Amino acid sequence: MPDSNAVSTMLPRYEAKSRQLWISRAIVFLFVCGLFATASTPVWWYPWMLSRHGVESRGWTIGKEPANHMGIRYQYMVDGTPYEGTLGGYPLNQIQLGDSIRVTYLPDAPQVSRPDLSQTARGWWFLPFVLLPAVAIAAAFGAVRPGAQPAA
């Protein structure tokens, strides 16, 4: 039976290793979050800004691009100035050239726009608040495991 002194001297060492493990996981988590947040910001930032500050206007389709992510090209006017935009993933069989569409744009930057915002901004929160942290947690726990030996 081990004496109580041996057990008490083992605890601080275990706690130190556990602390190092969690600190390492936190560093990996923050690194992965920063990496993916930097790369994914344009994907969710503009739909979010448009949903909060956008102004709705009427536009019309000027082109279909089935080879470019099933996209459409559209045009709209702001204070007499024409602007164009593209959006992929649009149901091309449900729209014809010249059809009128709703376009939401930023008043301070009218070149930033999306047609039919109800479709494009619906899941903007999923990427930064669900997928990104889940991937970062998986990476942190996968990369930093107890008992793993550092590469030589």
N, C-alpha and C. Protein backbone atom coordinates (compact mmCIF):
# COMPACT_ATOMS: atom_id res chain seq x y z
N MET A 1 0.84 -1.17 0.00
CA MET A 1 0.00 0.00 0.00
C MET A 1 0.89 1.24 0.00
N PRO A 2 0.63 2.13 -0.93
CA PRO A 2 1.47 3.33 -0.98
C PRO A 2 1.19 4.24 0.19
N ASP A 3 2.25 4.88 0.65
CA ASP A 3 2.03 5.79 1.78
C ASP A 3 1.43 7.11 1.29
N SER A 4 0.91 7.88 2.21
CA SER A 4 0.18 9.10 1.86
C SER A 4 1.12 10.16 1.28
N ASN A 5 2.40 10.15 1.64
CA ASN A 5 3.35 11.13 1.09
C ASN A 5 3.57 10.91 -0.39
N ALA A 6 3.62 9.65 -0.82
CA ALA A 6 3.83 9.35 -2.24
C ALA A 6 2.64 9.82 -3.07
N VAL A 7 1.44 9.62 -2.55
CA VAL A 7 0.24 10.05 -3.27
C VAL A 7 0.19 11.57 -3.36
N SER A 8 0.51 12.25 -2.28
CA SER A 8 0.43 13.71 -2.29
C SER A 8 1.49 14.32 -3.20
N THR A 9 2.63 13.68 -3.37
CA THR A 9 3.65 14.23 -4.27
C THR A 9 3.30 13.95 -5.72
N MET A 10 2.44 12.97 -6.00
CA MET A 10 2.04 12.67 -7.37
C MET A 10 0.95 13.64 -7.85
N LEU A 11 0.12 14.11 -6.96
CA LEU A 11 -0.99 14.97 -7.37
C LEU A 11 -0.54 16.26 -8.07
N PRO A 12 0.39 17.02 -7.51
CA PRO A 12 0.78 18.25 -8.21
C PRO A 12 1.32 17.98 -9.61
N ARG A 13 2.05 16.89 -9.78
CA ARG A 13 2.60 16.57 -11.10
C ARG A 13 1.46 16.27 -12.07
N TYR A 14 0.48 15.50 -11.62
CA TYR A 14 -0.67 15.18 -12.47
C TYR A 14 -1.44 16.45 -12.83
N GLU A 15 -1.66 17.32 -11.84
CA GLU A 15 -2.39 18.56 -12.09
C GLU A 15 -1.62 19.46 -13.06
N ALA A 16 -0.31 19.48 -12.94
CA ALA A 16 0.49 20.29 -13.85
C ALA A 16 0.37 19.77 -15.28
N LYS A 17 0.41 18.44 -15.45
CA LYS A 17 0.26 17.86 -16.79
C LYS A 17 -1.14 18.13 -17.32
N SER A 18 -2.13 18.02 -16.47
CA SER A 18 -3.51 18.28 -16.88
C SER A 18 -3.67 19.74 -17.30
N ARG A 19 -3.07 20.63 -16.53
CA ARG A 19 -3.14 22.05 -16.85
C ARG A 19 -2.45 22.33 -18.18
N GLN A 20 -1.29 21.72 -18.40
CA GLN A 20 -0.59 21.90 -19.67
C GLN A 20 -1.42 21.37 -20.83
N LEU A 21 -2.08 20.25 -20.60
CA LEU A 21 -2.93 19.66 -21.63
C LEU A 21 -4.05 20.62 -22.02
N TRP A 22 -4.72 21.20 -21.04
CA TRP A 22 -5.83 22.12 -21.33
C TRP A 22 -5.34 23.43 -21.92
N ILE A 23 -4.19 23.89 -21.49
CA ILE A 23 -3.63 25.11 -22.09
C ILE A 23 -3.27 24.85 -23.55
N SER A 24 -2.69 23.71 -23.82
CA SER A 24 -2.35 23.35 -25.20
C SER A 24 -3.61 23.25 -26.05
N ARG A 25 -4.65 22.64 -25.52
CA ARG A 25 -5.91 22.54 -26.26
C ARG A 25 -6.51 23.91 -26.51
N ALA A 26 -6.42 24.80 -25.53
CA ALA A 26 -6.95 26.15 -25.70
C ALA A 26 -6.19 26.90 -26.78
N ILE A 27 -4.88 26.72 -26.82
CA ILE A 27 -4.07 27.38 -27.85
C ILE A 27 -4.44 26.85 -29.23
N VAL A 28 -4.57 25.53 -29.37
CA VAL A 28 -4.97 24.96 -30.66
C VAL A 28 -6.37 25.44 -31.04
N PHE A 29 -7.30 25.46 -30.08
CA PHE A 29 -8.66 25.94 -30.34
C PHE A 29 -8.65 27.36 -30.87
N LEU A 30 -7.94 28.26 -30.18
CA LEU A 30 -7.90 29.66 -30.60
C LEU A 30 -7.22 29.82 -31.97
N PHE A 31 -6.17 29.03 -32.21
CA PHE A 31 -5.50 29.10 -33.51
C PHE A 31 -6.43 28.67 -34.63
N VAL A 32 -7.11 27.54 -34.44
CA VAL A 32 -8.03 27.04 -35.48
C VAL A 32 -9.20 28.00 -35.67
N CYS A 33 -9.75 28.53 -34.58
CA CYS A 33 -10.83 29.53 -34.70
C CYS A 33 -10.36 30.75 -35.47
N GLY A 34 -9.21 31.24 -35.15
CA GLY A 34 -8.68 32.41 -35.86
C GLY A 34 -8.44 32.14 -37.33
N LEU A 35 -7.90 30.98 -37.63
CA LEU A 35 -7.63 30.62 -39.02
C LEU A 35 -8.92 30.53 -39.83
N PHE A 36 -9.89 29.79 -39.31
CA PHE A 36 -11.14 29.62 -40.05
C PHE A 36 -12.00 30.88 -40.02
N ALA A 37 -11.98 31.64 -38.94
CA ALA A 37 -12.76 32.87 -38.89
C ALA A 37 -12.26 33.87 -39.93
N THR A 38 -10.95 33.94 -40.08
CA THR A 38 -10.37 34.84 -41.08
C THR A 38 -10.79 34.44 -42.48
N ALA A 39 -10.77 33.15 -42.75
CA ALA A 39 -11.11 32.67 -44.09
C ALA A 39 -12.61 32.71 -44.36
N SER A 40 -13.45 32.56 -43.33
CA SER A 40 -14.89 32.46 -43.56
C SER A 40 -15.65 33.76 -43.37
N THR A 41 -15.00 34.79 -42.90
CA THR A 41 -15.71 36.05 -42.63
C THR A 41 -16.47 36.57 -43.84
N PRO A 42 -15.91 36.61 -45.05
CA PRO A 42 -16.69 37.12 -46.18
C PRO A 42 -17.94 36.29 -46.49
N VAL A 43 -17.93 35.02 -46.13
CA VAL A 43 -19.08 34.16 -46.42
C VAL A 43 -20.30 34.58 -45.59
N TRP A 44 -20.12 34.92 -44.34
CA TRP A 44 -21.27 35.26 -43.49
C TRP A 44 -21.41 36.73 -43.18
N TRP A 45 -20.33 37.51 -43.34
CA TRP A 45 -20.39 38.91 -42.94
C TRP A 45 -21.36 39.72 -43.79
N TYR A 46 -21.25 39.62 -45.12
CA TYR A 46 -22.11 40.44 -45.98
C TYR A 46 -23.59 40.07 -45.85
N PRO A 47 -23.97 38.80 -45.85
CA PRO A 47 -25.40 38.52 -45.62
C PRO A 47 -25.89 39.04 -44.28
N TRP A 48 -25.06 38.96 -43.25
CA TRP A 48 -25.46 39.49 -41.95
C TRP A 48 -25.63 41.01 -42.01
N MET A 49 -24.67 41.72 -42.60
CA MET A 49 -24.77 43.17 -42.73
C MET A 49 -25.99 43.56 -43.56
N LEU A 50 -26.24 42.82 -44.63
CA LEU A 50 -27.39 43.12 -45.48
C LEU A 50 -28.70 42.89 -44.73
N SER A 51 -28.76 41.85 -43.91
CA SER A 51 -29.99 41.59 -43.17
C SER A 51 -30.23 42.65 -42.10
N ARG A 52 -29.18 43.26 -41.58
CA ARG A 52 -29.34 44.27 -40.53
C ARG A 52 -29.49 45.69 -41.07
N HIS A 53 -28.73 46.02 -42.13
CA HIS A 53 -28.67 47.40 -42.59
C HIS A 53 -29.08 47.59 -44.05
N GLY A 54 -29.48 46.52 -44.70
CA GLY A 54 -29.76 46.59 -46.13
C GLY A 54 -31.04 47.35 -46.47
N VAL A 55 -31.04 47.88 -47.69
CA VAL A 55 -32.19 48.56 -48.25
C VAL A 55 -32.65 47.73 -49.44
N GLU A 56 -33.95 47.51 -49.53
CA GLU A 56 -34.48 46.68 -50.60
C GLU A 56 -34.80 47.52 -51.83
N SER A 57 -34.52 46.96 -52.99
CA SER A 57 -34.78 47.62 -54.26
C SER A 57 -35.27 46.55 -55.25
N ARG A 58 -35.70 47.00 -56.41
CA ARG A 58 -36.08 46.07 -57.46
C ARG A 58 -34.93 45.95 -58.44
N GLY A 59 -34.69 44.74 -58.89
CA GLY A 59 -33.67 44.49 -59.89
C GLY A 59 -34.23 43.54 -60.93
N TRP A 60 -33.40 43.12 -61.85
CA TRP A 60 -33.83 42.19 -62.87
C TRP A 60 -32.66 41.30 -63.25
N THR A 61 -32.98 40.11 -63.70
CA THR A 61 -31.95 39.15 -64.07
C THR A 61 -31.43 39.51 -65.46
N ILE A 62 -30.11 39.43 -65.62
CA ILE A 62 -29.50 39.73 -66.91
C ILE A 62 -28.71 38.55 -67.46
N GLY A 63 -28.62 37.48 -66.69
CA GLY A 63 -27.90 36.32 -67.19
C GLY A 63 -28.05 35.12 -66.27
N LYS A 64 -27.95 33.93 -66.87
CA LYS A 64 -27.93 32.67 -66.12
C LYS A 64 -26.56 32.04 -66.36
N GLU A 65 -25.99 31.50 -65.32
CA GLU A 65 -24.66 30.89 -65.42
C GLU A 65 -24.69 29.49 -64.82
N PRO A 66 -25.21 28.51 -65.58
CA PRO A 66 -25.29 27.16 -65.02
C PRO A 66 -23.92 26.54 -64.74
N ALA A 67 -22.89 26.98 -65.44
CA ALA A 67 -21.55 26.43 -65.20
C ALA A 67 -20.85 27.11 -64.04
N ASN A 68 -21.42 28.19 -63.52
CA ASN A 68 -20.82 28.92 -62.40
C ASN A 68 -21.71 28.76 -61.17
N HIS A 69 -21.72 27.59 -60.59
CA HIS A 69 -22.48 27.29 -59.37
C HIS A 69 -23.97 27.55 -59.53
N MET A 70 -24.50 27.32 -60.73
CA MET A 70 -25.93 27.54 -60.99
C MET A 70 -26.31 28.96 -60.61
N GLY A 71 -25.52 29.91 -61.06
CA GLY A 71 -25.70 31.29 -60.64
C GLY A 71 -26.51 32.14 -61.59
N ILE A 72 -26.89 33.28 -61.09
CA ILE A 72 -27.54 34.29 -61.91
C ILE A 72 -26.73 35.57 -61.83
N ARG A 73 -26.85 36.38 -62.88
CA ARG A 73 -26.34 37.74 -62.86
C ARG A 73 -27.55 38.65 -62.83
N TYR A 74 -27.47 39.70 -62.05
CA TYR A 74 -28.60 40.60 -61.93
C TYR A 74 -28.11 42.05 -61.94
N GLN A 75 -29.03 42.95 -62.22
CA GLN A 75 -28.71 44.37 -62.24
C GLN A 75 -29.78 45.11 -61.44
N TYR A 76 -29.37 46.20 -60.81
CA TYR A 76 -30.29 47.04 -60.05
C TYR A 76 -29.78 48.47 -60.09
N MET A 77 -30.63 49.40 -59.77
CA MET A 77 -30.28 50.82 -59.82
C MET A 77 -30.34 51.42 -58.42
N VAL A 78 -29.36 52.27 -58.12
CA VAL A 78 -29.35 53.03 -56.87
C VAL A 78 -29.05 54.48 -57.24
N ASP A 79 -30.00 55.35 -57.00
CA ASP A 79 -29.86 56.78 -57.31
C ASP A 79 -29.41 57.00 -58.76
N GLY A 80 -29.98 56.23 -59.68
CA GLY A 80 -29.69 56.39 -61.09
C GLY A 80 -28.42 55.70 -61.57
N THR A 81 -27.67 55.09 -60.68
CA THR A 81 -26.44 54.39 -61.04
C THR A 81 -26.71 52.90 -61.11
N PRO A 82 -26.38 52.25 -62.25
CA PRO A 82 -26.61 50.81 -62.35
C PRO A 82 -25.50 50.02 -61.65
N TYR A 83 -25.89 48.95 -60.98
CA TYR A 83 -24.95 48.04 -60.33
C TYR A 83 -25.30 46.62 -60.76
N GLU A 84 -24.29 45.76 -60.80
CA GLU A 84 -24.50 44.36 -61.15
C GLU A 84 -24.00 43.48 -60.02
N GLY A 85 -24.56 42.29 -59.93
CA GLY A 85 -24.12 41.32 -58.95
C GLY A 85 -24.35 39.91 -59.47
N THR A 86 -23.79 38.96 -58.77
CA THR A 86 -23.99 37.54 -59.10
C THR A 86 -24.31 36.79 -57.82
N LEU A 87 -25.02 35.69 -57.99
CA LEU A 87 -25.31 34.83 -56.86
C LEU A 87 -25.41 33.41 -57.36
N GLY A 88 -24.68 32.50 -56.73
CA GLY A 88 -24.74 31.10 -57.09
C GLY A 88 -25.80 30.37 -56.29
N GLY A 89 -26.17 29.21 -56.79
CA GLY A 89 -27.13 28.38 -56.09
C GLY A 89 -28.56 28.83 -56.26
N TYR A 90 -28.86 29.53 -57.32
CA TYR A 90 -30.22 30.02 -57.55
C TYR A 90 -30.98 28.99 -58.38
N PRO A 91 -32.27 28.80 -58.15
CA PRO A 91 -33.03 27.83 -58.95
C PRO A 91 -33.25 28.36 -60.37
N LEU A 92 -32.36 27.98 -61.29
CA LEU A 92 -32.38 28.53 -62.64
C LEU A 92 -33.65 28.17 -63.41
N ASN A 93 -34.27 27.05 -63.09
CA ASN A 93 -35.49 26.66 -63.80
C ASN A 93 -36.69 27.50 -63.38
N GLN A 94 -36.57 28.26 -62.32
CA GLN A 94 -37.68 29.07 -61.83
C GLN A 94 -37.55 30.55 -62.19
N ILE A 95 -36.54 30.91 -62.97
CA ILE A 95 -36.32 32.32 -63.28
C ILE A 95 -35.96 32.46 -64.75
N GLN A 96 -36.42 33.54 -65.35
CA GLN A 96 -36.14 33.84 -66.75
C GLN A 96 -35.36 35.15 -66.84
N LEU A 97 -34.66 35.35 -67.96
CA LEU A 97 -33.95 36.62 -68.16
C LEU A 97 -34.96 37.76 -68.19
N GLY A 98 -34.64 38.83 -67.52
CA GLY A 98 -35.51 39.99 -67.46
C GLY A 98 -36.52 39.95 -66.32
N ASP A 99 -36.60 38.83 -65.61
CA ASP A 99 -37.53 38.74 -64.48
C ASP A 99 -37.15 39.75 -63.40
N SER A 100 -38.16 40.31 -62.77
CA SER A 100 -37.95 41.24 -61.68
C SER A 100 -37.64 40.45 -60.40
N ILE A 101 -36.63 40.90 -59.67
CA ILE A 101 -36.25 40.25 -58.42
C ILE A 101 -36.04 41.32 -57.35
N ARG A 102 -36.17 40.91 -56.09
CA ARG A 102 -35.84 41.81 -54.98
C ARG A 102 -34.34 41.76 -54.76
N VAL A 103 -33.76 42.92 -54.60
CA VAL A 103 -32.32 43.03 -54.34
C VAL A 103 -32.16 43.86 -53.07
N THR A 104 -31.35 43.38 -52.15
CA THR A 104 -31.03 44.13 -50.94
C THR A 104 -29.58 44.59 -51.05
N TYR A 105 -29.32 45.87 -50.82
CA TYR A 105 -27.97 46.41 -50.92
C TYR A 105 -27.67 47.26 -49.69
N LEU A 106 -26.39 47.50 -49.46
CA LEU A 106 -25.97 48.37 -48.35
C LEU A 106 -25.99 49.82 -48.83
N PRO A 107 -26.66 50.72 -48.12
CA PRO A 107 -26.72 52.11 -48.57
C PRO A 107 -25.36 52.79 -48.64
N ASP A 108 -24.45 52.43 -47.74
CA ASP A 108 -23.11 53.03 -47.74
C ASP A 108 -22.19 52.41 -48.78
N ALA A 109 -22.53 51.22 -49.27
CA ALA A 109 -21.73 50.52 -50.27
C ALA A 109 -22.69 49.78 -51.21
N PRO A 110 -23.33 50.49 -52.13
CA PRO A 110 -24.38 49.88 -52.94
C PRO A 110 -23.90 48.74 -53.84
N GLN A 111 -22.61 48.60 -54.04
CA GLN A 111 -22.11 47.49 -54.84
C GLN A 111 -22.21 46.16 -54.08
N VAL A 112 -22.43 46.21 -52.77
CA VAL A 112 -22.62 45.00 -51.95
C VAL A 112 -24.11 44.70 -51.91
N SER A 113 -24.49 43.57 -52.51
CA SER A 113 -25.91 43.26 -52.62
C SER A 113 -26.13 41.75 -52.67
N ARG A 114 -27.37 41.38 -52.47
CA ARG A 114 -27.83 40.00 -52.62
C ARG A 114 -29.28 40.04 -53.08
N PRO A 115 -29.63 39.20 -54.04
CA PRO A 115 -31.05 39.11 -54.38
C PRO A 115 -31.76 38.18 -53.42
N ASP A 116 -33.04 38.43 -53.20
CA ASP A 116 -33.89 37.56 -52.39
C ASP A 116 -33.20 37.17 -51.10
N LEU A 117 -32.97 38.13 -50.24
CA LEU A 117 -32.20 37.94 -49.01
C LEU A 117 -32.79 36.88 -48.10
N SER A 118 -34.08 36.63 -48.21
CA SER A 118 -34.69 35.62 -47.35
C SER A 118 -34.05 34.25 -47.58
N GLN A 119 -33.53 34.01 -48.76
CA GLN A 119 -32.87 32.74 -49.06
C GLN A 119 -31.40 32.74 -48.67
N THR A 120 -30.70 33.85 -48.86
CA THR A 120 -29.24 33.84 -48.68
C THR A 120 -28.80 34.13 -47.26
N ALA A 121 -29.61 34.82 -46.46
CA ALA A 121 -29.18 35.18 -45.10
C ALA A 121 -29.77 34.26 -44.05
N ARG A 122 -30.53 33.30 -44.47
CA ARG A 122 -31.24 32.46 -43.50
C ARG A 122 -30.29 31.75 -42.56
N GLY A 123 -29.22 31.19 -43.03
CA GLY A 123 -28.34 30.42 -42.16
C GLY A 123 -26.99 31.06 -41.92
N TRP A 124 -26.92 32.38 -41.94
CA TRP A 124 -25.63 33.05 -41.79
C TRP A 124 -24.96 32.71 -40.47
N TRP A 125 -25.71 32.46 -39.42
CA TRP A 125 -25.18 32.24 -38.08
C TRP A 125 -24.56 30.86 -37.93
N PHE A 126 -24.92 29.90 -38.79
CA PHE A 126 -24.46 28.53 -38.62
C PHE A 126 -22.94 28.41 -38.72
N LEU A 127 -22.35 29.05 -39.71
CA LEU A 127 -20.91 28.93 -39.91
C LEU A 127 -20.10 29.48 -38.74
N PRO A 128 -20.29 30.73 -38.32
CA PRO A 128 -19.41 31.24 -37.26
C PRO A 128 -19.73 30.73 -35.86
N PHE A 129 -20.98 30.34 -35.60
CA PHE A 129 -21.35 30.01 -34.23
C PHE A 129 -21.56 28.53 -33.96
N VAL A 130 -21.63 27.70 -35.00
CA VAL A 130 -21.81 26.27 -34.80
C VAL A 130 -20.67 25.48 -35.44
N LEU A 131 -20.51 25.63 -36.74
CA LEU A 131 -19.52 24.82 -37.46
C LEU A 131 -18.09 25.18 -37.05
N LEU A 132 -17.77 26.44 -37.01
CA LEU A 132 -16.42 26.87 -36.67
C LEU A 132 -15.98 26.40 -35.28
N PRO A 133 -16.77 26.63 -34.22
CA PRO A 133 -16.34 26.12 -32.92
C PRO A 133 -16.28 24.58 -32.86
N ALA A 134 -17.18 23.91 -33.55
CA ALA A 134 -17.15 22.44 -33.54
C ALA A 134 -15.87 21.91 -34.18
N VAL A 135 -15.47 22.48 -35.29
CA VAL A 135 -14.23 22.07 -35.95
C VAL A 135 -13.03 22.40 -35.08
N ALA A 136 -13.04 23.57 -34.45
CA ALA A 136 -11.92 23.97 -33.61
C ALA A 136 -11.80 23.07 -32.38
N ILE A 137 -12.92 22.69 -31.78
CA ILE A 137 -12.88 21.78 -30.63
C ILE A 137 -12.37 20.41 -31.05
N ALA A 138 -12.84 19.91 -32.18
CA ALA A 138 -12.36 18.61 -32.68
C ALA A 138 -10.86 18.66 -32.95
N ALA A 139 -10.39 19.75 -33.53
CA ALA A 139 -8.96 19.88 -33.80
C ALA A 139 -8.17 19.96 -32.51
N ALA A 140 -8.67 20.70 -31.53
CA ALA A 140 -7.96 20.85 -30.25
C ALA A 140 -7.83 19.51 -29.54
N PHE A 141 -8.91 18.75 -29.50
CA PHE A 141 -8.86 17.46 -28.80
C PHE A 141 -8.14 16.40 -29.63
N GLY A 142 -8.19 16.52 -30.95
CA GLY A 142 -7.50 15.54 -31.79
C GLY A 142 -6.01 15.78 -31.83
N ALA A 143 -5.60 17.04 -31.80
CA ALA A 143 -4.18 17.35 -31.90
C ALA A 143 -3.46 17.23 -30.57
N VAL A 144 -4.14 17.45 -29.46
CA VAL A 144 -3.50 17.43 -28.14
C VAL A 144 -4.20 16.32 -27.32
N ARG A 145 -3.51 15.19 -27.22
CA ARG A 145 -4.07 14.05 -26.47
C ARG A 145 -3.15 13.72 -25.31
N PRO A 146 -3.72 13.21 -24.24
CA PRO A 146 -2.88 12.81 -23.11
C PRO A 146 -1.99 11.64 -23.52
N GLY A 147 -0.74 11.70 -23.13
CA GLY A 147 0.18 10.62 -23.40
C GLY A 147 0.80 10.65 -24.79
N ALA A 148 0.41 11.58 -25.64
CA ALA A 148 0.98 11.66 -26.97
C ALA A 148 2.42 12.18 -26.85
N GLN A 149 3.31 11.60 -27.62
CA GLN A 149 4.69 12.00 -27.59
C GLN A 149 4.93 13.05 -28.66
N PRO A 150 5.66 14.11 -28.36
CA PRO A 150 5.96 15.11 -29.37
C PRO A 150 6.83 14.52 -30.47
N ALA A 151 6.64 15.03 -31.67
CA ALA A 151 7.44 14.55 -32.81
C ALA A 151 8.89 14.92 -32.60
N ALA A 152 9.77 14.00 -32.93
CA ALA A 152 11.20 14.25 -32.73
C ALA A 152 11.82 14.92 -33.92
